[in-house]
Amino acid sequence: MIPPTTFVLFVTASLALVVIPGPNHLYITARALAQGRAAGLASAFGVEFGTLVHIVAAAAGLSYLISQSATLFAIVKWAGVAYLVYLGIRAFTGKEAETGRPDPQPLRKVFLEGVLVNLLNPKVALFFLAFLPQFVDPAAGSPAPQVAVFGLTLLLLGLLSDLLYAFTAGALGHRLNGGTRTLRYVSGVVYLGLGVATAFAGRK
């Protein structure tokens, strides 16, 4: 069983992390600004579903394999770069960018895009590999269940933070509905910026 003091320390450290705007927040904000609150919420749930996969991978040791294999790391990284660049280019050149009308993408597709954006970010896998084990207590039992508990706690805190960004950006996007085309360009810049950041990500 995880000692209560360790869990409280973990929650405190996690709260300090989730309140700092990160790539996921930028992605969710861009989605909500361009396509509305529902799309922002779908993106938030998609991103955190990707986080769930990362947690399972960390508990199973797969994140360690990615961190140690230059080939696996490069494959995940460049797939993520390509996908983010694709989203950016689509925001600039898609039919909806020309008309200024909202893109009627199904929320299921928006959700899946959120999953992919998170899964194809190797820095997330490395984060879980570096952060979660610091709180694992060998005397408290098997490390894998402890990693799972810590990971799910961080996921819930992250989801609350993501939802706040989605609601806020969605409300702002609704008020700025007249500048839909501009909001799409802003979204495109965010996607391309995240792609560039991912491209410069290193295993260290």
Protein backbone atom coordinates (compact mmCIF):
# COMPACT_ATOMS: atom_id res chain seq x y z
CA MET A 1 0.00 0.00 0.00
CA ILE A 2 1.25 3.46 -0.91
CA PRO A 3 2.08 5.51 2.22
CA PRO A 4 -0.38 8.42 2.64
CA THR A 5 2.43 10.96 2.97
CA THR A 6 3.93 9.79 -0.33
CA PHE A 7 0.56 10.05 -2.06
CA VAL A 8 -0.04 13.56 -0.73
CA LEU A 9 3.42 14.58 -1.92
CA PHE A 10 2.68 13.11 -5.34
CA VAL A 11 -0.65 14.96 -5.62
CA THR A 12 1.03 18.23 -4.63
CA ALA A 13 3.78 17.78 -7.23
CA SER A 14 1.21 16.77 -9.87
CA LEU A 15 -0.95 19.83 -9.22
CA ALA A 16 2.11 22.02 -9.69
CA LEU A 17 2.65 20.36 -13.07
CA VAL A 18 -0.90 20.41 -14.45
CA VAL A 19 -1.47 24.10 -13.76
CA ILE A 20 1.47 25.01 -16.02
CA PRO A 21 0.29 25.37 -19.66
CA GLY A 22 1.81 22.64 -21.78
CA PRO A 23 1.56 21.24 -25.34
CA ASN A 24 -1.69 19.41 -24.57
CA HIS A 25 -3.26 22.61 -23.26
CA LEU A 26 -2.19 24.47 -26.39
CA TYR A 27 -3.64 21.76 -28.62
CA ILE A 28 -6.96 21.67 -26.74
CA THR A 29 -7.18 25.46 -26.72
CA ALA A 30 -6.54 25.61 -30.47
CA ARG A 31 -9.25 23.02 -31.08
CA ALA A 32 -11.80 24.77 -28.89
CA LEU A 33 -11.09 28.20 -30.38
CA ALA A 34 -11.45 26.96 -33.93
CA GLN A 35 -14.33 24.49 -33.60
CA GLY A 36 -16.15 25.21 -30.37
CA ARG A 37 -16.49 23.89 -26.86
CA ALA A 38 -17.65 20.40 -27.86
CA ALA A 39 -14.55 19.87 -30.00
CA GLY A 40 -12.36 21.14 -27.17
CA LEU A 41 -13.94 18.70 -24.74
CA ALA A 42 -13.58 15.83 -27.22
CA SER A 43 -9.92 16.75 -27.66
CA ALA A 44 -9.41 16.83 -23.89
CA PHE A 45 -10.85 13.35 -23.44
CA GLY A 46 -8.85 12.11 -26.42
CA VAL A 47 -5.60 13.51 -25.06
CA GLU A 48 -6.19 11.90 -21.67
CA PHE A 49 -7.08 8.58 -23.26
CA GLY A 50 -3.66 8.77 -24.87
CA THR A 51 -2.28 9.49 -21.40
CA LEU A 52 -3.95 6.29 -20.18
CA VAL A 53 -2.08 4.33 -22.85
CA HIS A 54 1.18 5.96 -21.75
CA ILE A 55 0.45 4.95 -18.15
CA VAL A 56 -0.12 1.33 -19.15
CA ALA A 57 3.10 1.44 -21.18
CA ALA A 58 5.02 2.88 -18.23
CA ALA A 59 3.68 0.22 -15.88
CA ALA A 60 4.54 -2.50 -18.37
CA GLY A 61 8.02 -1.14 -19.04
CA LEU A 62 7.36 -0.19 -22.67
CA SER A 63 8.28 3.43 -22.04
CA TYR A 64 11.70 2.24 -20.92
CA LEU A 65 12.16 0.40 -24.22
CA ILE A 66 11.30 3.55 -26.18
CA SER A 67 13.72 5.62 -24.13
CA GLN A 68 16.53 3.14 -24.71
CA SER A 69 15.94 2.51 -28.43
CA ALA A 70 16.97 5.31 -30.74
CA THR A 71 15.02 3.69 -33.57
CA LEU A 72 11.74 3.36 -31.66
CA PHE A 73 12.08 6.88 -30.30
CA ALA A 74 12.72 8.29 -33.78
CA ILE A 75 9.75 6.43 -35.28
CA VAL A 76 7.34 7.76 -32.65
CA LYS A 77 8.80 11.26 -32.77
CA TRP A 78 8.70 11.73 -36.54
CA ALA A 79 5.24 10.19 -36.81
CA GLY A 80 4.11 12.81 -34.29
CA VAL A 81 5.85 15.60 -36.19
CA ALA A 82 4.23 14.53 -39.47
CA TYR A 83 0.77 14.37 -37.90
CA LEU A 84 1.00 17.79 -36.25
CA VAL A 85 2.31 19.38 -39.44
CA TYR A 86 -0.58 17.76 -41.32
CA LEU A 87 -3.07 19.30 -38.88
CA GLY A 88 -1.38 22.70 -39.29
CA ILE A 89 -1.40 22.58 -43.08
CA ARG A 90 -5.02 21.45 -43.09
CA ALA A 91 -5.96 24.45 -40.94
CA PHE A 92 -4.33 26.79 -43.47
CA THR A 93 -5.38 25.15 -46.72
CA GLY A 94 -8.57 23.21 -45.95
CA LYS A 95 -11.90 24.13 -47.48
CA GLU A 96 -13.10 25.48 -44.15
CA ALA A 97 -10.13 27.87 -44.04
CA GLU A 98 -11.28 29.44 -47.31
CA THR A 99 -14.94 29.77 -46.33
CA GLY A 100 -14.41 30.65 -42.67
CA ARG A 101 -17.19 28.25 -41.67
CA PRO A 102 -16.66 25.77 -38.81
CA ASP A 103 -15.31 22.41 -39.87
CA PRO A 104 -18.12 19.88 -39.34
CA GLN A 105 -15.80 17.13 -38.18
CA PRO A 106 -17.46 14.36 -36.15
CA LEU A 107 -16.53 14.53 -32.49
CA ARG A 108 -15.35 10.94 -32.71
CA LYS A 109 -12.70 12.02 -35.21
CA VAL A 110 -11.71 14.96 -33.00
CA PHE A 111 -11.37 12.54 -30.08
CA LEU A 112 -9.16 10.18 -32.09
CA GLU A 113 -6.97 13.07 -33.21
CA GLY A 114 -6.46 14.01 -29.56
CA VAL A 115 -5.44 10.43 -28.81
CA LEU A 116 -2.92 10.42 -31.65
CA VAL A 117 -1.44 13.80 -30.75
CA ASN A 118 -0.66 12.50 -27.26
CA LEU A 119 0.44 9.01 -28.26
CA LEU A 120 2.84 10.29 -30.91
CA ASN A 121 4.63 12.58 -28.46
CA PRO A 122 7.65 10.60 -27.16
CA LYS A 123 8.34 13.25 -24.53
CA VAL A 124 5.16 12.17 -22.73
CA ALA A 125 6.43 8.60 -22.49
CA LEU A 126 9.75 9.84 -21.16
CA PHE A 127 7.98 12.09 -18.66
CA PHE A 128 6.08 9.19 -17.12
CA LEU A 129 9.26 7.13 -17.08
CA ALA A 130 11.13 9.88 -15.22
CA PHE A 131 8.39 11.25 -12.94
CA LEU A 132 6.29 8.36 -11.67
CA PRO A 133 9.08 6.04 -10.42
CA GLN A 134 10.35 8.77 -8.10
CA PHE A 135 7.35 8.11 -5.84
CA VAL A 136 7.47 4.32 -5.98
CA ASP A 137 8.26 2.72 -2.61
CA PRO A 138 9.81 -0.78 -2.96
CA ALA A 139 8.60 -1.58 0.54
CA ALA A 140 4.99 -0.87 -0.50
CA GLY A 141 4.82 -3.78 -2.93
CA SER A 142 5.17 -4.33 -6.68
CA PRO A 143 6.18 -1.17 -8.60
CA ALA A 144 3.71 -1.69 -11.48
CA PRO A 145 0.50 -1.21 -9.42
CA GLN A 146 2.01 1.85 -7.73
CA VAL A 147 2.90 3.34 -11.12
CA ALA A 148 -0.68 2.66 -12.25
CA VAL A 149 -2.19 4.39 -9.19
CA PHE A 150 0.09 7.41 -9.53
CA GLY A 151 -0.52 7.56 -13.26
CA LEU A 152 -4.32 7.44 -12.94
CA THR A 153 -4.20 10.15 -10.26
CA LEU A 154 -2.16 12.36 -12.56
CA LEU A 155 -4.57 11.58 -15.41
CA LEU A 156 -7.58 12.75 -13.39
CA LEU A 157 -5.85 15.95 -12.35
CA GLY A 158 -4.74 16.54 -15.93
CA LEU A 159 -8.25 15.92 -17.23
CA LEU A 160 -9.68 18.55 -14.88
CA SER A 161 -7.07 21.02 -16.11
CA ASP A 162 -7.75 20.11 -19.75
CA LEU A 163 -11.51 20.55 -19.31
CA LEU A 164 -10.97 23.99 -17.82
CA TYR A 165 -8.96 25.02 -20.88
CA ALA A 166 -11.57 23.52 -23.20
CA PHE A 167 -14.47 25.36 -21.54
CA THR A 168 -12.60 28.66 -21.39
CA ALA A 169 -11.33 28.53 -24.98
CA GLY A 170 -14.70 27.32 -26.23
CA ALA A 171 -16.48 30.28 -24.61
CA LEU A 172 -13.88 32.69 -26.00
CA GLY A 173 -14.12 31.17 -29.46
CA HIS A 174 -17.91 31.56 -29.38
CA ARG A 175 -17.59 35.26 -28.57
CA LEU A 176 -15.05 35.71 -31.35
CA ASN A 177 -17.12 33.77 -33.85
CA GLY A 178 -16.88 36.60 -36.34
CA GLY A 179 -13.15 36.01 -36.61
CA THR A 180 -13.43 32.31 -37.38
CA ARG A 181 -10.87 32.44 -40.18
CA THR A 182 -8.35 34.19 -37.94
CA LEU A 183 -8.93 31.61 -35.21
CA ARG A 184 -8.22 28.83 -37.70
CA TYR A 185 -4.95 30.48 -38.66
CA VAL A 186 -4.05 30.70 -34.98
CA SER A 187 -4.83 26.99 -34.66
CA GLY A 188 -2.63 26.23 -37.64
CA VAL A 189 0.27 28.14 -36.09
CA VAL A 190 -0.18 26.22 -32.81
CA TYR A 191 -0.16 22.84 -34.59
CA LEU A 192 2.94 23.72 -36.59
CA GLY A 193 4.64 25.07 -33.47
CA LEU A 194 3.94 21.83 -31.61
CA GLY A 195 5.30 19.91 -34.59
CA VAL A 196 8.54 21.91 -34.49
CA ALA A 197 8.85 21.40 -30.73
CA THR A 198 8.38 17.65 -31.17
CA ALA A 199 10.98 17.59 -33.93
CA PHE A 200 13.59 18.97 -31.53
CA ALA A 201 12.67 16.50 -28.78
CA GLY A 202 15.57 14.29 -27.76
CA ARG A 203 15.79 11.17 -25.65
CA LYS A 204 17.79 13.06 -23.02
